[in-house]
Amino acid sequence: MRIVFDPDFDSGCWPGPLGARDAVAGEAWVGPGGLLGTLETALGLAAPPVSTTERAARLMGPLRDVEGFWSRSVEVDPFGSARRLLSWCDTLAMCGWTGGGDAPRLAQLAALVAQAPQGFAGRLVAVNLLLPKRDACVESVTLLSPRDDLEPLWRATLRLLEAGGTRVEFAPLP
């Protein structure tokens, strides 16, 4: 499969894979969600994703039971607090955080979210763990945005794909 990837493509893209062609096979134009789904399917990890709302709802019990830097916020808005904490964790994970760190707040946060279902970043980490062991059957990935503009976790995914034989290239838009 040939993939054209850009962070803005999860909401659709134009002209897309057809462009001036009447038909196309073996090519997909995808954004982060589409590429993650494609890789999960190829590696045998595909499962229905857990929504942000469900993740936050599942975290509310532990959030109320565990004392942490978030406790006063939870008294005011437990659901909003759960969503915010999960958002922070996902952002940190996309930047390479693996749940460690010496800072007390990071340690508290890591222990708390370990009880929540995986979000987007956790799913991408699972893909990255399998890429060295299984072939994702991706012939090429054409980036329409510079690689350095992508989050560190995506850059790691691209390196792993390259190590498995996938050609990754940047094609700047005219």
N, C-alpha and C. Protein backbone atom coordinates (compact mmCIF):
# COMPACT_ATOMS: atom_id res chain seq x y z
N MET A 1 0.83 -1.17 0.00
CA MET A 1 0.00 0.00 0.00
C MET A 1 0.88 1.24 0.00
N ARG A 2 0.43 2.24 -0.74
CA ARG A 2 1.08 3.54 -0.77
C ARG A 2 0.20 4.51 0.01
N ILE A 3 0.84 5.27 0.88
CA ILE A 3 0.10 6.19 1.73
C ILE A 3 0.60 7.61 1.52
N VAL A 4 -0.32 8.53 1.38
CA VAL A 4 -0.02 9.96 1.38
C VAL A 4 -0.56 10.47 2.71
N PHE A 5 0.34 11.06 3.52
CA PHE A 5 0.00 11.43 4.89
C PHE A 5 0.17 12.91 5.12
N ASP A 6 -0.83 13.50 5.76
CA ASP A 6 -0.74 14.87 6.23
C ASP A 6 -1.61 15.00 7.47
N PRO A 7 -1.13 15.70 8.49
CA PRO A 7 -1.92 15.83 9.72
C PRO A 7 -3.32 16.41 9.53
N ASP A 8 -3.57 17.10 8.44
CA ASP A 8 -4.88 17.72 8.22
C ASP A 8 -5.86 16.83 7.47
N PHE A 9 -5.47 15.63 7.10
CA PHE A 9 -6.31 14.81 6.23
C PHE A 9 -7.38 13.98 6.94
N ASP A 10 -7.43 13.96 8.25
CA ASP A 10 -8.47 13.16 8.91
C ASP A 10 -9.87 13.71 8.67
N SER A 11 -9.97 14.94 8.27
CA SER A 11 -11.27 15.54 7.98
C SER A 11 -11.59 15.51 6.50
N GLY A 12 -10.83 14.76 5.73
CA GLY A 12 -11.02 14.69 4.29
C GLY A 12 -9.95 15.50 3.58
N CYS A 13 -9.79 15.24 2.30
CA CYS A 13 -8.78 15.97 1.53
C CYS A 13 -9.23 16.06 0.08
N TRP A 14 -8.74 17.07 -0.59
CA TRP A 14 -9.07 17.26 -1.98
C TRP A 14 -7.80 17.57 -2.74
N PRO A 15 -7.48 17.00 -3.84
CA PRO A 15 -8.37 16.14 -4.62
C PRO A 15 -8.38 14.69 -4.15
N GLY A 16 -7.53 14.36 -3.22
CA GLY A 16 -7.50 12.99 -2.73
C GLY A 16 -6.80 12.06 -3.70
N PRO A 17 -6.95 10.77 -3.51
CA PRO A 17 -6.20 9.82 -4.32
C PRO A 17 -6.58 9.82 -5.80
N LEU A 18 -7.78 10.25 -6.13
CA LEU A 18 -8.15 10.23 -7.55
C LEU A 18 -7.48 11.35 -8.33
N GLY A 19 -7.52 12.56 -7.80
CA GLY A 19 -6.93 13.67 -8.54
C GLY A 19 -7.49 13.71 -9.95
N ALA A 20 -6.64 13.56 -10.93
CA ALA A 20 -7.07 13.57 -12.33
C ALA A 20 -7.29 12.16 -12.86
N ARG A 21 -7.22 11.16 -12.00
CA ARG A 21 -7.39 9.76 -12.42
C ARG A 21 -8.84 9.33 -12.30
N ASP A 22 -9.21 8.30 -13.05
CA ASP A 22 -10.56 7.75 -12.97
C ASP A 22 -10.68 6.72 -11.86
N ALA A 23 -9.58 6.07 -11.53
CA ALA A 23 -9.61 5.04 -10.49
C ALA A 23 -8.22 4.90 -9.88
N VAL A 24 -8.17 4.35 -8.68
CA VAL A 24 -6.89 4.13 -8.02
C VAL A 24 -7.04 2.93 -7.09
N ALA A 25 -5.98 2.17 -6.98
CA ALA A 25 -5.98 1.03 -6.06
C ALA A 25 -4.65 1.01 -5.32
N GLY A 26 -4.69 0.63 -4.06
CA GLY A 26 -3.46 0.50 -3.28
C GLY A 26 -2.88 1.81 -2.80
N GLU A 27 -3.69 2.86 -2.78
CA GLU A 27 -3.21 4.16 -2.33
C GLU A 27 -4.26 4.79 -1.43
N ALA A 28 -3.82 5.36 -0.32
CA ALA A 28 -4.73 6.02 0.61
C ALA A 28 -4.14 7.36 1.02
N TRP A 29 -5.00 8.35 1.10
CA TRP A 29 -4.62 9.67 1.60
C TRP A 29 -5.24 9.78 2.98
N VAL A 30 -4.39 9.83 4.01
CA VAL A 30 -4.89 9.75 5.37
C VAL A 30 -4.22 10.78 6.28
N GLY A 31 -4.89 11.05 7.38
CA GLY A 31 -4.34 11.86 8.46
C GLY A 31 -3.90 10.94 9.59
N PRO A 32 -3.65 11.48 10.76
CA PRO A 32 -3.17 10.66 11.88
C PRO A 32 -4.11 9.50 12.24
N GLY A 33 -5.41 9.77 12.32
CA GLY A 33 -6.36 8.70 12.65
C GLY A 33 -6.41 7.62 11.59
N GLY A 34 -6.37 8.04 10.34
CA GLY A 34 -6.39 7.07 9.23
C GLY A 34 -5.14 6.23 9.18
N LEU A 35 -3.97 6.85 9.39
CA LEU A 35 -2.72 6.08 9.37
C LEU A 35 -2.65 5.14 10.56
N LEU A 36 -3.06 5.61 11.72
CA LEU A 36 -3.06 4.74 12.90
C LEU A 36 -3.98 3.55 12.66
N GLY A 37 -5.17 3.79 12.14
CA GLY A 37 -6.10 2.69 11.86
C GLY A 37 -5.56 1.71 10.84
N THR A 38 -4.91 2.22 9.81
CA THR A 38 -4.31 1.35 8.78
C THR A 38 -3.22 0.47 9.38
N LEU A 39 -2.35 1.08 10.20
CA LEU A 39 -1.27 0.31 10.81
C LEU A 39 -1.81 -0.70 11.83
N GLU A 40 -2.80 -0.31 12.62
CA GLU A 40 -3.38 -1.24 13.58
C GLU A 40 -3.99 -2.44 12.87
N THR A 41 -4.69 -2.21 11.78
CA THR A 41 -5.29 -3.30 11.02
C THR A 41 -4.22 -4.22 10.45
N ALA A 42 -3.18 -3.62 9.86
CA ALA A 42 -2.11 -4.41 9.25
C ALA A 42 -1.35 -5.25 10.29
N LEU A 43 -1.26 -4.75 11.50
CA LEU A 43 -0.50 -5.44 12.54
C LEU A 43 -1.39 -6.33 13.43
N GLY A 44 -2.68 -6.36 13.16
CA GLY A 44 -3.58 -7.19 13.95
C GLY A 44 -3.98 -6.58 15.28
N LEU A 45 -3.93 -5.28 15.38
CA LEU A 45 -4.29 -4.60 16.63
C LEU A 45 -5.65 -3.91 16.56
N ALA A 46 -6.31 -4.00 15.43
CA ALA A 46 -7.54 -3.23 15.25
C ALA A 46 -8.62 -3.66 16.24
N ALA A 47 -9.16 -2.69 16.91
CA ALA A 47 -10.27 -2.87 17.82
C ALA A 47 -11.01 -1.54 17.86
N PRO A 48 -12.26 -1.56 18.23
CA PRO A 48 -12.96 -0.27 18.29
C PRO A 48 -12.27 0.66 19.29
N PRO A 49 -11.93 1.87 18.88
CA PRO A 49 -11.28 2.78 19.82
C PRO A 49 -12.25 3.21 20.91
N VAL A 50 -11.70 3.49 22.06
CA VAL A 50 -12.49 3.99 23.18
C VAL A 50 -12.55 5.51 23.06
N SER A 51 -13.73 6.06 23.11
CA SER A 51 -13.89 7.51 22.94
C SER A 51 -13.27 8.27 24.12
N THR A 52 -12.99 9.53 23.88
CA THR A 52 -12.47 10.39 24.93
C THR A 52 -13.45 10.47 26.09
N THR A 53 -14.72 10.50 25.77
CA THR A 53 -15.75 10.57 26.80
C THR A 53 -15.75 9.31 27.66
N GLU A 54 -15.66 8.16 27.03
CA GLU A 54 -15.63 6.91 27.81
C GLU A 54 -14.35 6.79 28.63
N ARG A 55 -13.23 7.20 28.07
CA ARG A 55 -11.98 7.18 28.83
C ARG A 55 -12.10 8.03 30.08
N ALA A 56 -12.65 9.24 29.92
CA ALA A 56 -12.81 10.14 31.07
C ALA A 56 -13.78 9.55 32.09
N ALA A 57 -14.87 8.96 31.62
CA ALA A 57 -15.85 8.37 32.54
C ALA A 57 -15.22 7.22 33.34
N ARG A 58 -14.41 6.41 32.68
CA ARG A 58 -13.76 5.29 33.37
C ARG A 58 -12.70 5.77 34.37
N LEU A 59 -12.16 6.96 34.15
CA LEU A 59 -11.13 7.48 35.04
C LEU A 59 -11.72 8.18 36.26
N MET A 60 -12.99 8.51 36.22
CA MET A 60 -13.58 9.30 37.31
C MET A 60 -13.55 8.58 38.66
N GLY A 61 -13.76 7.26 38.69
CA GLY A 61 -13.69 6.53 39.95
C GLY A 61 -12.32 6.64 40.60
N PRO A 62 -11.26 6.22 39.89
CA PRO A 62 -9.92 6.36 40.47
C PRO A 62 -9.56 7.81 40.77
N LEU A 63 -10.04 8.73 39.96
CA LEU A 63 -9.74 10.15 40.15
C LEU A 63 -10.27 10.64 41.49
N ARG A 64 -11.43 10.17 41.88
CA ARG A 64 -12.03 10.58 43.16
C ARG A 64 -11.38 9.84 44.33
N ASP A 65 -10.91 8.62 44.08
CA ASP A 65 -10.38 7.79 45.17
C ASP A 65 -8.92 8.07 45.50
N VAL A 66 -8.18 8.63 44.55
CA VAL A 66 -6.75 8.84 44.72
C VAL A 66 -6.48 10.32 44.94
N GLU A 67 -5.80 10.63 46.02
CA GLU A 67 -5.43 12.02 46.31
C GLU A 67 -4.27 12.42 45.40
N GLY A 68 -4.39 13.59 44.79
CA GLY A 68 -3.33 14.06 43.91
C GLY A 68 -3.46 15.55 43.67
N PHE A 69 -2.60 16.08 42.85
CA PHE A 69 -2.60 17.51 42.56
C PHE A 69 -3.92 17.96 41.91
N TRP A 70 -4.72 17.04 41.44
CA TRP A 70 -5.97 17.33 40.76
C TRP A 70 -7.18 17.37 41.70
N SER A 71 -7.00 17.00 42.95
CA SER A 71 -8.11 16.77 43.87
C SER A 71 -9.07 17.95 44.01
N ARG A 72 -8.56 19.15 44.12
CA ARG A 72 -9.46 20.32 44.27
C ARG A 72 -10.25 20.57 43.00
N SER A 73 -9.65 20.32 41.85
CA SER A 73 -10.37 20.48 40.59
C SER A 73 -11.49 19.44 40.47
N VAL A 74 -11.22 18.23 40.95
CA VAL A 74 -12.20 17.16 40.87
C VAL A 74 -13.44 17.49 41.70
N GLU A 75 -13.26 18.20 42.80
CA GLU A 75 -14.40 18.60 43.63
C GLU A 75 -15.36 19.50 42.85
N VAL A 76 -14.82 20.31 41.96
CA VAL A 76 -15.63 21.27 41.20
C VAL A 76 -16.18 20.62 39.92
N ASP A 77 -15.32 19.91 39.18
CA ASP A 77 -15.72 19.35 37.88
C ASP A 77 -14.98 18.04 37.65
N PRO A 78 -15.49 16.93 38.16
CA PRO A 78 -14.77 15.66 38.03
C PRO A 78 -14.60 15.21 36.58
N PHE A 79 -15.64 15.35 35.78
CA PHE A 79 -15.54 14.90 34.38
C PHE A 79 -14.58 15.77 33.59
N GLY A 80 -14.68 17.08 33.75
CA GLY A 80 -13.76 17.99 33.06
C GLY A 80 -12.32 17.76 33.49
N SER A 81 -12.13 17.48 34.78
CA SER A 81 -10.78 17.20 35.29
C SER A 81 -10.22 15.93 34.67
N ALA A 82 -11.05 14.90 34.57
CA ALA A 82 -10.61 13.64 33.96
C ALA A 82 -10.21 13.86 32.51
N ARG A 83 -11.03 14.59 31.77
CA ARG A 83 -10.72 14.88 30.36
C ARG A 83 -9.41 15.65 30.22
N ARG A 84 -9.22 16.65 31.09
CA ARG A 84 -8.00 17.47 31.02
C ARG A 84 -6.77 16.64 31.33
N LEU A 85 -6.82 15.81 32.37
CA LEU A 85 -5.67 14.98 32.73
C LEU A 85 -5.33 13.99 31.62
N LEU A 86 -6.34 13.40 31.01
CA LEU A 86 -6.08 12.49 29.89
C LEU A 86 -5.49 13.23 28.70
N SER A 87 -5.97 14.43 28.45
CA SER A 87 -5.43 15.24 27.36
C SER A 87 -3.95 15.56 27.60
N TRP A 88 -3.62 15.90 28.85
CA TRP A 88 -2.21 16.17 29.17
C TRP A 88 -1.36 14.93 28.92
N CYS A 89 -1.85 13.79 29.37
CA CYS A 89 -1.09 12.55 29.21
C CYS A 89 -0.89 12.21 27.74
N ASP A 90 -1.95 12.37 26.95
CA ASP A 90 -1.83 12.08 25.52
C ASP A 90 -0.84 13.02 24.84
N THR A 91 -0.89 14.28 25.20
CA THR A 91 0.05 15.25 24.63
C THR A 91 1.48 14.91 25.02
N LEU A 92 1.68 14.60 26.29
CA LEU A 92 3.02 14.22 26.75
C LEU A 92 3.51 12.96 26.04
N ALA A 93 2.63 11.97 25.87
CA ALA A 93 3.02 10.72 25.21
C ALA A 93 3.38 10.96 23.74
N MET A 94 2.64 11.83 23.06
CA MET A 94 2.96 12.13 21.67
C MET A 94 4.32 12.81 21.56
N CYS A 95 4.76 13.42 22.65
CA CYS A 95 6.08 14.08 22.68
C CYS A 95 7.17 13.16 23.22
N GLY A 96 6.82 11.90 23.50
CA GLY A 96 7.84 10.94 23.91
C GLY A 96 7.81 10.51 25.36
N TRP A 97 6.92 11.07 26.17
CA TRP A 97 6.84 10.70 27.57
C TRP A 97 6.33 9.27 27.69
N THR A 98 6.99 8.47 28.51
CA THR A 98 6.59 7.07 28.68
C THR A 98 6.04 6.77 30.06
N GLY A 99 5.71 7.81 30.80
CA GLY A 99 5.12 7.61 32.12
C GLY A 99 6.11 7.72 33.25
N GLY A 100 7.35 7.98 32.94
CA GLY A 100 8.36 8.11 33.97
C GLY A 100 8.59 9.55 34.35
N GLY A 101 9.60 9.74 35.15
CA GLY A 101 9.97 11.09 35.56
C GLY A 101 10.10 11.19 37.06
N ASP A 102 10.95 12.10 37.48
CA ASP A 102 11.19 12.28 38.91
C ASP A 102 10.22 13.29 39.54
N ALA A 103 9.59 14.11 38.74
CA ALA A 103 8.69 15.12 39.27
C ALA A 103 7.48 14.44 39.92
N PRO A 104 7.11 14.86 41.12
CA PRO A 104 5.99 14.21 41.83
C PRO A 104 4.68 14.24 41.04
N ARG A 105 4.39 15.35 40.38
CA ARG A 105 3.13 15.44 39.62
C ARG A 105 3.12 14.47 38.45
N LEU A 106 4.25 14.33 37.76
CA LEU A 106 4.31 13.36 36.66
C LEU A 106 4.13 11.94 37.17
N ALA A 107 4.72 11.63 38.31
CA ALA A 107 4.57 10.29 38.89
C ALA A 107 3.12 10.03 39.28
N GLN A 108 2.47 11.03 39.89
CA GLN A 108 1.06 10.89 40.25
C GLN A 108 0.20 10.70 39.01
N LEU A 109 0.46 11.49 37.99
CA LEU A 109 -0.30 11.42 36.76
C LEU A 109 -0.14 10.07 36.08
N ALA A 110 1.10 9.58 36.03
CA ALA A 110 1.35 8.28 35.40
C ALA A 110 0.62 7.17 36.12
N ALA A 111 0.64 7.18 37.45
CA ALA A 111 -0.05 6.15 38.22
C ALA A 111 -1.55 6.21 38.01
N LEU A 112 -2.10 7.42 37.92
CA LEU A 112 -3.53 7.58 37.74
C LEU A 112 -4.00 7.08 36.37
N VAL A 113 -3.35 7.55 35.31
CA VAL A 113 -3.84 7.22 33.97
C VAL A 113 -3.52 5.79 33.55
N ALA A 114 -2.68 5.11 34.30
CA ALA A 114 -2.45 3.69 34.02
C ALA A 114 -3.75 2.90 34.19
N GLN A 115 -4.71 3.47 34.90
CA GLN A 115 -5.99 2.81 35.13
C GLN A 115 -7.03 3.13 34.06
N ALA A 116 -6.69 3.98 33.11
CA ALA A 116 -7.63 4.39 32.06
C ALA A 116 -7.35 3.63 30.78
N PRO A 117 -8.36 3.46 29.93
CA PRO A 117 -8.12 2.84 28.62
C PRO A 117 -7.16 3.69 27.79
N GLN A 118 -6.47 3.03 26.86
CA GLN A 118 -5.53 3.74 26.00
C GLN A 118 -6.25 4.74 25.11
N GLY A 119 -5.59 5.85 24.92
CA GLY A 119 -6.07 6.84 23.96
C GLY A 119 -5.25 6.71 22.68
N PHE A 120 -5.32 7.74 21.86
CA PHE A 120 -4.63 7.75 20.57
C PHE A 120 -3.14 7.46 20.74
N ALA A 121 -2.50 8.18 21.66
CA ALA A 121 -1.05 8.02 21.84
C ALA A 121 -0.71 6.60 22.30
N GLY A 122 -1.49 6.05 23.21
CA GLY A 122 -1.24 4.68 23.67
C GLY A 122 -1.39 3.67 22.56
N ARG A 123 -2.36 3.89 21.70
CA ARG A 123 -2.55 3.00 20.54
C ARG A 123 -1.35 3.09 19.59
N LEU A 124 -0.82 4.31 19.40
CA LEU A 124 0.34 4.48 18.52
C LEU A 124 1.58 3.84 19.14
N VAL A 125 1.72 3.93 20.45
CA VAL A 125 2.83 3.25 21.14
C VAL A 125 2.74 1.74 20.91
N ALA A 126 1.53 1.19 21.00
CA ALA A 126 1.34 -0.25 20.77
C ALA A 126 1.74 -0.63 19.34
N VAL A 127 1.41 0.21 18.38
CA VAL A 127 1.82 -0.03 16.99
C VAL A 127 3.35 -0.02 16.91
N ASN A 128 3.98 0.97 17.53
CA ASN A 128 5.44 1.07 17.47
C ASN A 128 6.13 -0.13 18.10
N LEU A 129 5.52 -0.71 19.11
CA LEU A 129 6.11 -1.90 19.74
C LEU A 129 6.06 -3.10 18.81
N LEU A 130 5.08 -3.16 17.92
CA LEU A 130 4.95 -4.31 17.02
C LEU A 130 5.64 -4.12 15.67
N LEU A 131 5.88 -2.88 15.27
CA LEU A 131 6.48 -2.64 13.95
C LEU A 131 7.81 -3.38 13.74
N PRO A 132 8.69 -3.49 14.73
CA PRO A 132 9.93 -4.23 14.49
C PRO A 132 9.71 -5.75 14.35
N LYS A 133 8.55 -6.24 14.76
CA LYS A 133 8.29 -7.68 14.77
C LYS A 133 7.41 -8.14 13.63
N ARG A 134 6.60 -7.24 13.07
CA ARG A 134 5.64 -7.60 12.02
C ARG A 134 5.73 -6.63 10.86
N ASP A 135 5.41 -7.13 9.68
CA ASP A 135 5.41 -6.31 8.48
C ASP A 135 4.06 -5.61 8.36
N ALA A 136 4.09 -4.30 8.25
CA ALA A 136 2.85 -3.53 8.12
C ALA A 136 2.38 -3.45 6.67
N CYS A 137 3.16 -4.00 5.74
CA CYS A 137 2.80 -4.05 4.31
C CYS A 137 2.55 -2.66 3.73
N VAL A 138 3.38 -1.70 4.14
CA VAL A 138 3.28 -0.34 3.60
C VAL A 138 4.50 -0.14 2.71
N GLU A 139 4.25 0.04 1.43
CA GLU A 139 5.32 0.24 0.46
C GLU A 139 5.97 1.61 0.62
N SER A 140 5.12 2.65 0.76
CA SER A 140 5.67 4.00 0.87
C SER A 140 4.73 4.90 1.64
N VAL A 141 5.33 5.91 2.26
CA VAL A 141 4.58 6.98 2.92
C VAL A 141 5.13 8.29 2.36
N THR A 142 4.26 9.05 1.72
CA THR A 142 4.63 10.35 1.21
C THR A 142 4.09 11.40 2.17
N LEU A 143 4.98 12.19 2.71
CA LEU A 143 4.61 13.24 3.67
C LEU A 143 4.40 14.55 2.92
N LEU A 144 3.28 15.19 3.18
CA LEU A 144 3.04 16.50 2.58
C LEU A 144 3.42 17.63 3.54
N SER A 145 3.75 17.28 4.77
CA SER A 145 4.28 18.21 5.76
C SER A 145 5.68 17.74 6.13
N PRO A 146 6.58 18.65 6.45
CA PRO A 146 7.92 18.22 6.83
C PRO A 146 7.90 17.29 8.04
N ARG A 147 8.77 16.31 8.02
CA ARG A 147 8.85 15.34 9.12
C ARG A 147 9.08 16.02 10.47
N ASP A 148 9.89 17.07 10.46
CA ASP A 148 10.20 17.77 11.71
C ASP A 148 8.98 18.49 12.30
N ASP A 149 7.93 18.69 11.51
CA ASP A 149 6.71 19.32 12.01
C ASP A 149 5.80 18.31 12.74
N LEU A 150 6.10 17.02 12.61
CA LEU A 150 5.30 15.99 13.25
C LEU A 150 5.75 15.79 14.70
N GLU A 151 4.84 15.27 15.52
CA GLU A 151 5.18 14.99 16.91
C GLU A 151 6.25 13.89 16.97
N PRO A 152 7.05 13.89 18.02
CA PRO A 152 8.12 12.89 18.14
C PRO A 152 7.63 11.44 18.02
N LEU A 153 6.45 11.14 18.52
CA LEU A 153 5.96 9.76 18.43
C LEU A 153 5.68 9.37 16.98
N TRP A 154 5.16 10.30 16.18
CA TRP A 154 4.97 10.01 14.75
C TRP A 154 6.31 9.86 14.04
N ARG A 155 7.28 10.69 14.41
CA ARG A 155 8.60 10.55 13.78
C ARG A 155 9.20 9.19 14.10
N ALA A 156 8.99 8.70 15.33
CA ALA A 156 9.47 7.36 15.70
C ALA A 156 8.77 6.30 14.86
N THR A 157 7.47 6.46 14.64
CA THR A 157 6.71 5.51 13.81
C THR A 157 7.29 5.47 12.40
N LEU A 158 7.57 6.63 11.84
CA LEU A 158 8.13 6.68 10.48
C LEU A 158 9.51 6.02 10.43
N ARG A 159 10.32 6.23 11.46
CA ARG A 159 11.65 5.57 11.50
C ARG A 159 11.49 4.05 11.54
N LEU A 160 10.53 3.58 12.32
CA LEU A 160 10.30 2.14 12.42
C LEU A 160 9.79 1.57 11.10
N LEU A 161 8.93 2.31 10.43
CA LEU A 161 8.47 1.87 9.11
C LEU A 161 9.64 1.79 8.13
N GLU A 162 10.49 2.81 8.15
CA GLU A 162 11.67 2.81 7.27
C GLU A 162 12.58 1.61 7.57
N ALA A 163 12.77 1.32 8.85
CA ALA A 163 13.62 0.19 9.23
C ALA A 163 13.05 -1.13 8.70
N GLY A 164 11.73 -1.16 8.51
CA GLY A 164 11.08 -2.36 7.99
C GLY A 164 11.00 -2.38 6.47
N GLY A 165 11.57 -1.38 5.81
CA GLY A 165 11.60 -1.39 4.36
C GLY A 165 10.64 -0.42 3.67
N THR A 166 9.89 0.34 4.42
CA THR A 166 8.97 1.32 3.85
C THR A 166 9.77 2.55 3.41
N ARG A 167 9.48 3.02 2.22
CA ARG A 167 10.11 4.25 1.73
C ARG A 167 9.30 5.43 2.25
N VAL A 168 9.96 6.34 2.96
CA VAL A 168 9.30 7.54 3.49
C VAL A 168 9.95 8.74 2.82
N GLU A 169 9.11 9.56 2.18
CA GLU A 169 9.64 10.72 1.47
C GLU A 169 8.76 11.93 1.70
N PHE A 170 9.36 13.08 1.59
CA PHE A 170 8.64 14.35 1.71
C PHE A 170 8.40 14.90 0.33
N ALA A 171 7.16 15.26 0.05
CA ALA A 171 6.81 15.85 -1.24
C ALA A 171 6.17 17.20 -0.98
N PRO A 172 6.97 18.28 -0.99
CA PRO A 172 6.38 19.59 -0.70
C PRO A 172 5.33 19.97 -1.74
N LEU A 173 4.29 20.61 -1.27
CA LEU A 173 3.24 21.06 -2.18
C LEU A 173 3.75 22.23 -3.00
N PRO A 174 3.40 22.30 -4.28
CA PRO A 174 3.86 23.42 -5.11
C PRO A 174 3.26 24.74 -4.66
